[in-house]
Amino acid sequence: MMLVAIALQAERPLVISTARPEFLREVTELWLAKHGLMPKQIYMRPNDREGVPDPEIKLAHLRDIQKRYGQPLVWADDNDANIEMLRENNVPVIHVK
């Protein structure tokens, strides 16, 4: 998946959505950079939404991504509930195990 993301970011903006809390942004950005990923934007879980289910967080991310960047070309996720939500919203998904 990393190689796919690296290849695609050369052609279009790489946008990342994660359910990790905002207070982990710095460590997340460092990890991504270390692995050659240069996202245009990283969506993270707001610190005050810790108990909110991941699909609800990711749906809010998806809506903003659609507004700002258009429909995602592809989305990779490892959470079954997120995969279902994305498919219900006609987003092509790679289910990462």
PDB file of N, CA and C in Angstrom:
ATOM      1  N   MET A   1       0.815  -1.190   0.000  1.00  0.00           N
ATOM      2  CA  MET A   1       0.000   0.000   0.000  1.00  0.00           C
ATOM      3  C   MET A   1       0.861   1.257   0.000  1.00  0.00           C
ATOM      4  N   MET A   2       1.989   1.174   0.692  1.00  0.00           N
ATOM      5  CA  MET A   2       2.866   2.345   0.734  1.00  0.00           C
ATOM      6  C   MET A   2       3.353   2.694  -0.671  1.00  0.00           C
ATOM      7  N   LEU A   3       3.734   1.696  -1.449  1.00  0.00           N
ATOM      8  CA  LEU A   3       4.223   1.956  -2.805  1.00  0.00           C
ATOM      9  C   LEU A   3       3.124   2.532  -3.691  1.00  0.00           C
ATOM     10  N   VAL A   4       1.908   2.057  -3.519  1.00  0.00           N
ATOM     11  CA  VAL A   4       0.777   2.602  -4.286  1.00  0.00           C
ATOM     12  C   VAL A   4       0.578   4.072  -3.934  1.00  0.00           C
ATOM     13  N   ALA A   5       0.586   4.388  -2.643  1.00  0.00           N
ATOM     14  CA  ALA A   5       0.394   5.774  -2.200  1.00  0.00           C
ATOM     15  C   ALA A   5       1.512   6.675  -2.709  1.00  0.00           C
ATOM     16  N   ILE A   6       2.732   6.196  -2.640  1.00  0.00           N
ATOM     17  CA  ILE A   6       3.872   6.987  -3.119  1.00  0.00           C
ATOM     18  C   ILE A   6       3.741   7.256  -4.623  1.00  0.00           C
ATOM     19  N   ALA A   7       3.350   6.235  -5.381  1.00  0.00           N
ATOM     20  CA  ALA A   7       3.196   6.402  -6.826  1.00  0.00           C
ATOM     21  C   ALA A   7       2.055   7.374  -7.144  1.00  0.00           C
ATOM     22  N   LEU A   8       0.937   7.241  -6.455  1.00  0.00           N
ATOM     23  CA  LEU A   8      -0.222   8.089  -6.742  1.00  0.00           C
ATOM     24  C   LEU A   8       0.004   9.547  -6.342  1.00  0.00           C
ATOM     25  N   GLN A   9       0.791   9.774  -5.291  1.00  0.00           N
ATOM     26  CA  GLN A   9       0.984  11.158  -4.842  1.00  0.00           C
ATOM     27  C   GLN A   9       1.766  11.982  -5.858  1.00  0.00           C
ATOM     28  N   ALA A  10       2.417  11.337  -6.787  1.00  0.00           N
ATOM     29  CA  ALA A  10       3.133  12.060  -7.836  1.00  0.00           C
ATOM     30  C   ALA A  10       2.165  12.639  -8.867  1.00  0.00           C
ATOM     31  N   GLU A  11       0.955  12.075  -8.940  1.00  0.00           N
ATOM     32  CA  GLU A  11      -0.006  12.481  -9.959  1.00  0.00           C
ATOM     33  C   GLU A  11      -1.173  13.298  -9.439  1.00  0.00           C
ATOM     34  N   ARG A  12      -1.494  13.136  -8.174  1.00  0.00           N
ATOM     35  CA  ARG A  12      -2.637  13.850  -7.591  1.00  0.00           C
ATOM     36  C   ARG A  12      -2.399  14.042  -6.108  1.00  0.00           C
ATOM     37  N   PRO A  13      -3.139  14.940  -5.485  1.00  0.00           N
ATOM     38  CA  PRO A  13      -2.886  15.188  -4.059  1.00  0.00           C
ATOM     39  C   PRO A  13      -3.187  13.962  -3.205  1.00  0.00           C
ATOM     40  N   LEU A  14      -2.269  13.650  -2.327  1.00  0.00           N
ATOM     41  CA  LEU A  14      -2.466  12.576  -1.361  1.00  0.00           C
ATOM     42  C   LEU A  14      -3.146  13.179  -0.140  1.00  0.00           C
ATOM     43  N   VAL A  15      -4.316  12.652   0.182  1.00  0.00           N
ATOM     44  CA  VAL A  15      -5.071  13.108   1.337  1.00  0.00           C
ATOM     45  C   VAL A  15      -5.268  11.903   2.236  1.00  0.00           C
ATOM     46  N   ILE A  16      -4.944  12.062   3.508  1.00  0.00           N
ATOM     47  CA  ILE A  16      -5.025  10.954   4.460  1.00  0.00           C
ATOM     48  C   ILE A  16      -6.090  11.246   5.497  1.00  0.00           C
ATOM     49  N   SER A  17      -6.893  10.228   5.765  1.00  0.00           N
ATOM     50  CA  SER A  17      -7.899  10.278   6.811  1.00  0.00           C
ATOM     51  C   SER A  17      -7.546   9.208   7.833  1.00  0.00           C
ATOM     52  N   THR A  18      -7.396   9.626   9.068  1.00  0.00           N
ATOM     53  CA  THR A  18      -7.101   8.671  10.130  1.00  0.00           C
ATOM     54  C   THR A  18      -7.985   8.966  11.331  1.00  0.00           C
ATOM     55  N   ALA A  19      -8.308   7.921  12.067  1.00  0.00           N
ATOM     56  CA  ALA A  19      -9.096   8.085  13.293  1.00  0.00           C
ATOM     57  C   ALA A  19      -8.187   8.324  14.495  1.00  0.00           C
ATOM     58  N   ARG A  20      -6.891   8.451  14.240  1.00  0.00           N
ATOM     59  CA  ARG A  20      -5.969   8.783  15.335  1.00  0.00           C
ATOM     60  C   ARG A  20      -6.300  10.182  15.841  1.00  0.00           C
ATOM     61  N   PRO A  21      -6.172  10.402  17.143  1.00  0.00           N
ATOM     62  CA  PRO A  21      -6.512  11.726  17.689  1.00  0.00           C
ATOM     63  C   PRO A  21      -5.514  12.804  17.274  1.00  0.00           C
ATOM     64  N   GLU A  22      -6.019  14.004  17.215  1.00  0.00           N
ATOM     65  CA  GLU A  22      -5.244  15.175  16.804  1.00  0.00           C
ATOM     66  C   GLU A  22      -3.967  15.353  17.621  1.00  0.00           C
ATOM     67  N   PHE A  23      -3.985  14.982  18.896  1.00  0.00           N
ATOM     68  CA  PHE A  23      -2.777  15.182  19.707  1.00  0.00           C
ATOM     69  C   PHE A  23      -1.602  14.321  19.226  1.00  0.00           C
ATOM     70  N   LEU A  24      -1.867  13.371  18.329  1.00  0.00           N
ATOM     71  CA  LEU A  24      -0.798  12.543  17.758  1.00  0.00           C
ATOM     72  C   LEU A  24      -0.352  13.043  16.380  1.00  0.00           C
ATOM     73  N   ARG A  25      -0.767  14.238  15.990  1.00  0.00           N
ATOM     74  CA  ARG A  25      -0.451  14.756  14.654  1.00  0.00           C
ATOM     75  C   ARG A  25       1.053  14.773  14.387  1.00  0.00           C
ATOM     76  N   GLU A  26       1.843  15.307  15.304  1.00  0.00           N
ATOM     77  CA  GLU A  26       3.283  15.436  15.047  1.00  0.00           C
ATOM     78  C   GLU A  26       3.940  14.081  14.803  1.00  0.00           C
ATOM     79  N   VAL A  27       3.661  13.112  15.643  1.00  0.00           N
ATOM     80  CA  VAL A  27       4.262  11.783  15.472  1.00  0.00           C
ATOM     81  C   VAL A  27       3.743  11.125  14.190  1.00  0.00           C
ATOM     82  N   THR A  28       2.487  11.382  13.843  1.00  0.00           N
ATOM     83  CA  THR A  28       1.911  10.838  12.608  1.00  0.00           C
ATOM     84  C   THR A  28       2.594  11.438  11.391  1.00  0.00           C
ATOM     85  N   GLU A  29       2.766  12.748  11.378  1.00  0.00           N
ATOM     86  CA  GLU A  29       3.433  13.413  10.253  1.00  0.00           C
ATOM     87  C   GLU A  29       4.877  12.949  10.101  1.00  0.00           C
ATOM     88  N   LEU A  30       5.571  12.762  11.214  1.00  0.00           N
ATOM     89  CA  LEU A  30       6.953  12.270  11.153  1.00  0.00           C
ATOM     90  C   LEU A  30       7.007  10.865  10.569  1.00  0.00           C
ATOM     91  N   TRP A  31       6.084   9.998  10.977  1.00  0.00           N
ATOM     92  CA  TRP A  31       6.054   8.621  10.472  1.00  0.00           C
ATOM     93  C   TRP A  31       5.782   8.617   8.968  1.00  0.00           C
ATOM     94  N   LEU A  32       4.824   9.413   8.531  1.00  0.00           N
ATOM     95  CA  LEU A  32       4.500   9.478   7.108  1.00  0.00           C
ATOM     96  C   LEU A  32       5.699   9.966   6.294  1.00  0.00           C
ATOM     97  N   ALA A  33       6.346  11.024   6.749  1.00  0.00           N
ATOM     98  CA  ALA A  33       7.517  11.568   6.050  1.00  0.00           C
ATOM     99  C   ALA A  33       8.649  10.549   5.993  1.00  0.00           C
ATOM    100  N   LYS A  34       8.845   9.840   7.073  1.00  0.00           N
ATOM    101  CA  LYS A  34       9.899   8.815   7.135  1.00  0.00           C
ATOM    102  C   LYS A  34       9.677   7.744   6.076  1.00  0.00           C
ATOM    103  N   HIS A  35       8.420   7.501   5.722  1.00  0.00           N
ATOM    104  CA  HIS A  35       8.078   6.473   4.744  1.00  0.00           C
ATOM    105  C   HIS A  35       7.825   7.042   3.342  1.00  0.00           C
ATOM    106  N   GLY A  36       8.182   8.302   3.128  1.00  0.00           N
ATOM    107  CA  GLY A  36       8.106   8.885   1.795  1.00  0.00           C
ATOM    108  C   GLY A  36       6.745   9.414   1.387  1.00  0.00           C
ATOM    109  N   LEU A  37       5.850   9.536   2.338  1.00  0.00           N
ATOM    110  CA  LEU A  37       4.518  10.052   2.021  1.00  0.00           C
ATOM    111  C   LEU A  37       4.449  11.531   2.345  1.00  0.00           C
ATOM    112  N   MET A  38       3.944  12.297   1.378  1.00  0.00           N
ATOM    113  CA  MET A  38       3.854  13.742   1.536  1.00  0.00           C
ATOM    114  C   MET A  38       2.408  14.187   1.294  1.00  0.00           C
ATOM    115  N   PRO A  39       1.537  13.953   2.256  1.00  0.00           N
ATOM    116  CA  PRO A  39       0.132  14.299   2.046  1.00  0.00           C
ATOM    117  C   PRO A  39      -0.093  15.801   1.950  1.00  0.00           C
ATOM    118  N   LYS A  40      -1.039  16.167   1.106  1.00  0.00           N
ATOM    119  CA  LYS A  40      -1.457  17.558   1.003  1.00  0.00           C
ATOM    120  C   LYS A  40      -2.240  17.930   2.255  1.00  0.00           C
ATOM    121  N   GLN A  41      -2.975  16.957   2.785  1.00  0.00           N
ATOM    122  CA  GLN A  41      -3.734  17.192   4.008  1.00  0.00           C
ATOM    123  C   GLN A  41      -3.882  15.880   4.769  1.00  0.00           C
ATOM    124  N   ILE A  42      -3.895  16.003   6.088  1.00  0.00           N
ATOM    125  CA  ILE A  42      -4.142  14.857   6.973  1.00  0.00           C
ATOM    126  C   ILE A  42      -5.349  15.197   7.831  1.00  0.00           C
ATOM    127  N   TYR A  43      -6.376  14.391   7.704  1.00  0.00           N
ATOM    128  CA  TYR A  43      -7.563  14.522   8.545  1.00  0.00           C
ATOM    129  C   TYR A  43      -7.390  13.613   9.744  1.00  0.00           C
ATOM    130  N   MET A  44      -7.610  14.169  10.935  1.00  0.00           N
ATOM    131  CA  MET A  44      -7.464  13.391  12.161  1.00  0.00           C
ATOM    132  C   MET A  44      -8.706  13.575  13.034  1.00  0.00           C
ATOM    133  N   ARG A  45      -8.866  12.675  13.984  1.00  0.00           N
ATOM    134  CA  ARG A  45      -9.979  12.755  14.928  1.00  0.00           C
ATOM    135  C   ARG A  45      -9.778  13.952  15.855  1.00  0.00           C
ATOM    136  N   PRO A  46     -10.776  14.823  15.974  1.00  0.00           N
ATOM    137  CA  PRO A  46     -10.647  15.917  16.950  1.00  0.00           C
ATOM    138  C   PRO A  46     -10.477  15.353  18.360  1.00  0.00           C
ATOM    139  N   ASN A  47      -9.655  15.997  19.146  1.00  0.00           N
ATOM    140  CA  ASN A  47      -9.372  15.508  20.503  1.00  0.00           C
ATOM    141  C   ASN A  47     -10.626  15.367  21.354  1.00  0.00           C
ATOM    142  N   ASP A  48     -11.644  16.173  21.105  1.00  0.00           N
ATOM    143  CA  ASP A  48     -12.860  16.127  21.914  1.00  0.00           C
ATOM    144  C   ASP A  48     -13.893  15.119  21.396  1.00  0.00           C
ATOM    145  N   ARG A  49     -13.492  14.250  20.435  1.00  0.00           N
ATOM    146  CA  ARG A  49     -14.423  13.262  19.866  1.00  0.00           C
ATOM    147  C   ARG A  49     -13.906  11.841  20.047  1.00  0.00           C
ATOM    148  N   GLU A  50     -13.250  11.595  21.170  1.00  0.00           N
ATOM    149  CA  GLU A  50     -12.606  10.305  21.435  1.00  0.00           C
ATOM    150  C   GLU A  50     -13.578   9.125  21.406  1.00  0.00           C
ATOM    151  N   GLY A  51     -14.796   9.277  21.912  1.00  0.00           N
ATOM    152  CA  GLY A  51     -15.728   8.155  21.973  1.00  0.00           C
ATOM    153  C   GLY A  51     -16.583   7.967  20.735  1.00  0.00           C
ATOM    154  N   VAL A  52     -16.423   8.807  19.737  1.00  0.00           N
ATOM    155  CA  VAL A  52     -17.229   8.734  18.523  1.00  0.00           C
ATOM    156  C   VAL A  52     -16.732   7.574  17.656  1.00  0.00           C
ATOM    157  N   PRO A  53     -17.647   6.747  17.136  1.00  0.00           N
ATOM    158  CA  PRO A  53     -17.228   5.621  16.289  1.00  0.00           C
ATOM    159  C   PRO A  53     -16.419   6.074  15.071  1.00  0.00           C
ATOM    160  N   ASP A  54     -15.436   5.274  14.700  1.00  0.00           N
ATOM    161  CA  ASP A  54     -14.570   5.599  13.566  1.00  0.00           C
ATOM    162  C   ASP A  54     -15.341   5.935  12.286  1.00  0.00           C
ATOM    163  N   PRO A  55     -16.375   5.152  11.910  1.00  0.00           N
ATOM    164  CA  PRO A  55     -17.072   5.489  10.663  1.00  0.00           C
ATOM    165  C   PRO A  55     -17.704   6.890  10.672  1.00  0.00           C
ATOM    166  N   GLU A  56     -18.133   7.356  11.818  1.00  0.00           N
ATOM    167  CA  GLU A  56     -18.699   8.709  11.900  1.00  0.00           C
ATOM    168  C   GLU A  56     -17.611   9.764  11.675  1.00  0.00           C
ATOM    169  N   ILE A  57     -16.440   9.519  12.259  1.00  0.00           N
ATOM    170  CA  ILE A  57     -15.293  10.422  12.070  1.00  0.00           C
ATOM    171  C   ILE A  57     -14.893  10.433  10.593  1.00  0.00           C
ATOM    172  N   LYS A  58     -14.763   9.238  10.019  1.00  0.00           N
ATOM    173  CA  LYS A  58     -14.314   9.125   8.630  1.00  0.00           C
ATOM    174  C   LYS A  58     -15.347   9.674   7.645  1.00  0.00           C
ATOM    175  N   LEU A  59     -16.642   9.552   7.965  1.00  0.00           N
ATOM    176  CA  LEU A  59     -17.667  10.124   7.090  1.00  0.00           C
ATOM    177  C   LEU A  59     -17.542  11.650   7.044  1.00  0.00           C
ATOM    178  N   ALA A  60     -17.278  12.254   8.191  1.00  0.00           N
ATOM    179  CA  ALA A  60     -17.060  13.710   8.210  1.00  0.00           C
ATOM    180  C   ALA A  60     -15.831  14.065   7.379  1.00  0.00           C
ATOM    181  N   HIS A  61     -14.776  13.259   7.478  1.00  0.00           N
ATOM    182  CA  HIS A  61     -13.584  13.483   6.661  1.00  0.00           C
ATOM    183  C   HIS A  61     -13.944  13.373   5.185  1.00  0.00           C
ATOM    184  N   LEU A  62     -14.675  12.303   4.838  1.00  0.00           N
ATOM    185  CA  LEU A  62     -15.050  12.073   3.439  1.00  0.00           C
ATOM    186  C   LEU A  62     -15.821  13.256   2.877  1.00  0.00           C
ATOM    187  N   ARG A  63     -16.780  13.767   3.611  1.00  0.00           N
ATOM    188  CA  ARG A  63     -17.594  14.887   3.119  1.00  0.00           C
ATOM    189  C   ARG A  63     -16.722  16.110   2.829  1.00  0.00           C
ATOM    190  N   ASP A  64     -15.775  16.396   3.709  1.00  0.00           N
ATOM    191  CA  ASP A  64     -14.899  17.542   3.476  1.00  0.00           C
ATOM    192  C   ASP A  64     -13.955  17.281   2.299  1.00  0.00           C
ATOM    193  N   ILE A  65     -13.459  16.058   2.194  1.00  0.00           N
ATOM    194  CA  ILE A  65     -12.579  15.700   1.070  1.00  0.00           C
ATOM    195  C   ILE A  65     -13.324  15.866  -0.248  1.00  0.00           C
ATOM    196  N   GLN A  66     -14.564  15.394  -0.301  1.00  0.00           N
ATOM    197  CA  GLN A  66     -15.352  15.523  -1.526  1.00  0.00           C
ATOM    198  C   GLN A  66     -15.546  16.990  -1.897  1.00  0.00           C
ATOM    199  N   LYS A  67     -15.791  17.812  -0.894  1.00  0.00           N
ATOM    200  CA  LYS A  67     -16.011  19.244  -1.135  1.00  0.00           C
ATOM    201  C   LYS A  67     -14.732  19.926  -1.631  1.00  0.00           C
ATOM    202  N   ARG A  68     -13.600  19.591  -1.023  1.00  0.00           N
ATOM    203  CA  ARG A  68     -12.341  20.269  -1.344  1.00  0.00           C
ATOM    204  C   ARG A  68     -11.591  19.675  -2.536  1.00  0.00           C
ATOM    205  N   TYR A  69     -11.639  18.334  -2.676  1.00  0.00           N
ATOM    206  CA  TYR A  69     -10.796  17.654  -3.664  1.00  0.00           C
ATOM    207  C   TYR A  69     -11.574  16.840  -4.690  1.00  0.00           C
ATOM    208  N   GLY A  70     -12.878  16.683  -4.486  1.00  0.00           N
ATOM    209  CA  GLY A  70     -13.665  15.822  -5.369  1.00  0.00           C
ATOM    210  C   GLY A  70     -13.718  14.402  -4.818  1.00  0.00           C
ATOM    211  N   GLN A  71     -14.307  13.525  -5.591  1.00  0.00           N
ATOM    212  CA  GLN A  71     -14.473  12.132  -5.165  1.00  0.00           C
ATOM    213  C   GLN A  71     -13.100  11.446  -5.087  1.00  0.00           C
ATOM    214  N   PRO A  72     -12.825  10.735  -4.000  1.00  0.00           N
ATOM    215  CA  PRO A  72     -11.538  10.031  -3.904  1.00  0.00           C
ATOM    216  C   PRO A  72     -11.374   9.002  -5.027  1.00  0.00           C
ATOM    217  N   LEU A  73     -10.171   8.915  -5.552  1.00  0.00           N
ATOM    218  CA  LEU A  73      -9.842   7.908  -6.561  1.00  0.00           C
ATOM    219  C   LEU A  73      -9.891   6.523  -5.929  1.00  0.00           C
ATOM    220  N   VAL A  74      -9.312   6.409  -4.743  1.00  0.00           N
ATOM    221  CA  VAL A  74      -9.308   5.153  -3.992  1.00  0.00           C
ATOM    222  C   VAL A  74      -9.038   5.481  -2.531  1.00  0.00           C
ATOM    223  N   TRP A  75      -9.534   4.635  -1.646  1.00  0.00           N
ATOM    224  CA  TRP A  75      -9.352   4.810  -0.203  1.00  0.00           C
ATOM    225  C   TRP A  75      -8.885   3.477   0.344  1.00  0.00           C
ATOM    226  N   ALA A  76      -7.887   3.469   1.169  1.00  0.00           N
ATOM    227  CA  ALA A  76      -7.411   2.250   1.817  1.00  0.00           C
ATOM    228  C   ALA A  76      -7.748   2.335   3.301  1.00  0.00           C
ATOM    229  N   ASP A  77      -8.284   1.249   3.849  1.00  0.00           N
ATOM    230  CA  ASP A  77      -8.662   1.255   5.261  1.00  0.00           C
ATOM    231  C   ASP A  77      -8.617  -0.184   5.782  1.00  0.00           C
ATOM    232  N   ASP A  78      -8.414  -0.311   7.092  1.00  0.00           N
ATOM    233  CA  ASP A  78      -8.342  -1.636   7.701  1.00  0.00           C
ATOM    234  C   ASP A  78      -9.522  -1.936   8.629  1.00  0.00           C
ATOM    235  N   ASN A  79     -10.453  -1.005   8.744  1.00  0.00           N
ATOM    236  CA  ASN A  79     -11.570  -1.143   9.672  1.00  0.00           C
ATOM    237  C   ASN A  79     -12.817  -1.557   8.889  1.00  0.00           C
ATOM    238  N   ASP A  80     -13.385  -2.714   9.235  1.00  0.00           N
ATOM    239  CA  ASP A  80     -14.545  -3.239   8.504  1.00  0.00           C
ATOM    240  C   ASP A  80     -15.706  -2.249   8.463  1.00  0.00           C
ATOM    241  N   ALA A  81     -15.984  -1.578   9.578  1.00  0.00           N
ATOM    242  CA  ALA A  81     -17.094  -0.621   9.622  1.00  0.00           C
ATOM    243  C   ALA A  81     -16.817   0.577   8.709  1.00  0.00           C
ATOM    244  N   ASN A  82     -15.564   1.014   8.651  1.00  0.00           N
ATOM    245  CA  ASN A  82     -15.209   2.111   7.733  1.00  0.00           C
ATOM    246  C   ASN A  82     -15.374   1.667   6.279  1.00  0.00           C
ATOM    247  N   ILE A  83     -14.965   0.447   5.988  1.00  0.00           N
ATOM    248  CA  ILE A  83     -15.087  -0.098   4.629  1.00  0.00           C
ATOM    249  C   ILE A  83     -16.547  -0.089   4.200  1.00  0.00           C
ATOM    250  N   GLU A  84     -17.423  -0.538   5.073  1.00  0.00           N
ATOM    251  CA  GLU A  84     -18.855  -0.564   4.762  1.00  0.00           C
ATOM    252  C   GLU A  84     -19.385   0.850   4.503  1.00  0.00           C
ATOM    253  N   MET A  85     -19.025   1.798   5.372  1.00  0.00           N
ATOM    254  CA  MET A  85     -19.477   3.180   5.203  1.00  0.00           C
ATOM    255  C   MET A  85     -18.980   3.751   3.879  1.00  0.00           C
ATOM    256  N   LEU A  86     -17.733   3.496   3.536  1.00  0.00           N
ATOM    257  CA  LEU A  86     -17.165   4.019   2.294  1.00  0.00           C
ATOM    258  C   LEU A  86     -17.857   3.415   1.077  1.00  0.00           C
ATOM    259  N   ARG A  87     -18.105   2.111   1.107  1.00  0.00           N
ATOM    260  CA  ARG A  87     -18.801   1.457  -0.008  1.00  0.00           C
ATOM    261  C   ARG A  87     -20.213   2.007  -0.157  1.00  0.00           C
ATOM    262  N   GLU A  88     -20.887   2.258   0.968  1.00  0.00           N
ATOM    263  CA  GLU A  88     -22.232   2.845   0.922  1.00  0.00           C
ATOM    264  C   GLU A  88     -22.214   4.239   0.291  1.00  0.00           C
ATOM    265  N   ASN A  89     -21.067   4.890   0.331  1.00  0.00           N
ATOM    266  CA  ASN A  89     -20.908   6.227  -0.245  1.00  0.00           C
ATOM    267  C   ASN A  89     -20.180   6.209  -1.586  1.00  0.00           C
ATOM    268  N   ASN A  90     -20.157   5.029  -2.221  1.00  0.00           N
ATOM    269  CA  ASN A  90     -19.597   4.856  -3.573  1.00  0.00           C
ATOM    270  C   ASN A  90     -18.133   5.253  -3.695  1.00  0.00           C
ATOM    271  N   VAL A  91     -17.351   4.970  -2.640  1.00  0.00           N
ATOM    272  CA  VAL A  91     -15.918   5.238  -2.672  1.00  0.00           C
ATOM    273  C   VAL A  91     -15.186   3.915  -2.926  1.00  0.00           C
ATOM    274  N   PRO A  92     -14.357   3.840  -3.961  1.00  0.00           N
ATOM    275  CA  PRO A  92     -13.564   2.632  -4.195  1.00  0.00           C
ATOM    276  C   PRO A  92     -12.619   2.401  -3.010  1.00  0.00           C
ATOM    277  N   VAL A  93     -12.647   1.192  -2.456  1.00  0.00           N
ATOM    278  CA  VAL A  93     -11.899   0.913  -1.228  1.00  0.00           C
ATOM    279  C   VAL A  93     -10.984  -0.285  -1.415  1.00  0.00           C
ATOM    280  N   ILE A  94      -9.780  -0.147  -0.895  1.00  0.00           N
ATOM    281  CA  ILE A  94      -8.867  -1.279  -0.750  1.00  0.00           C
ATOM    282  C   ILE A  94      -8.905  -1.665   0.721  1.00  0.00           C
ATOM    283  N   HIS A  95      -9.322  -2.895   0.994  1.00  0.00           N
ATOM    284  CA  HIS A  95      -9.403  -3.371   2.377  1.00  0.00           C
ATOM    285  C   HIS A  95      -8.034  -3.919   2.777  1.00  0.00           C
ATOM    286  N   VAL A  96      -7.355  -3.177   3.614  1.00  0.00           N
ATOM    287  CA  VAL A  96      -6.018  -3.546   4.083  1.00  0.00           C
ATOM    288  C   VAL A  96      -6.194  -4.460   5.289  1.00  0.00           C
ATOM    289  N   LYS A  97      -5.583  -5.603   5.238  1.00  0.00           N
ATOM    290  CA  LYS A  97      -5.672  -6.565   6.356  1.00  0.00           C
ATOM    291  C   LYS A  97      -4.449  -6.450   7.243  1.00  0.00           C
TER     292      LYS A  97
END
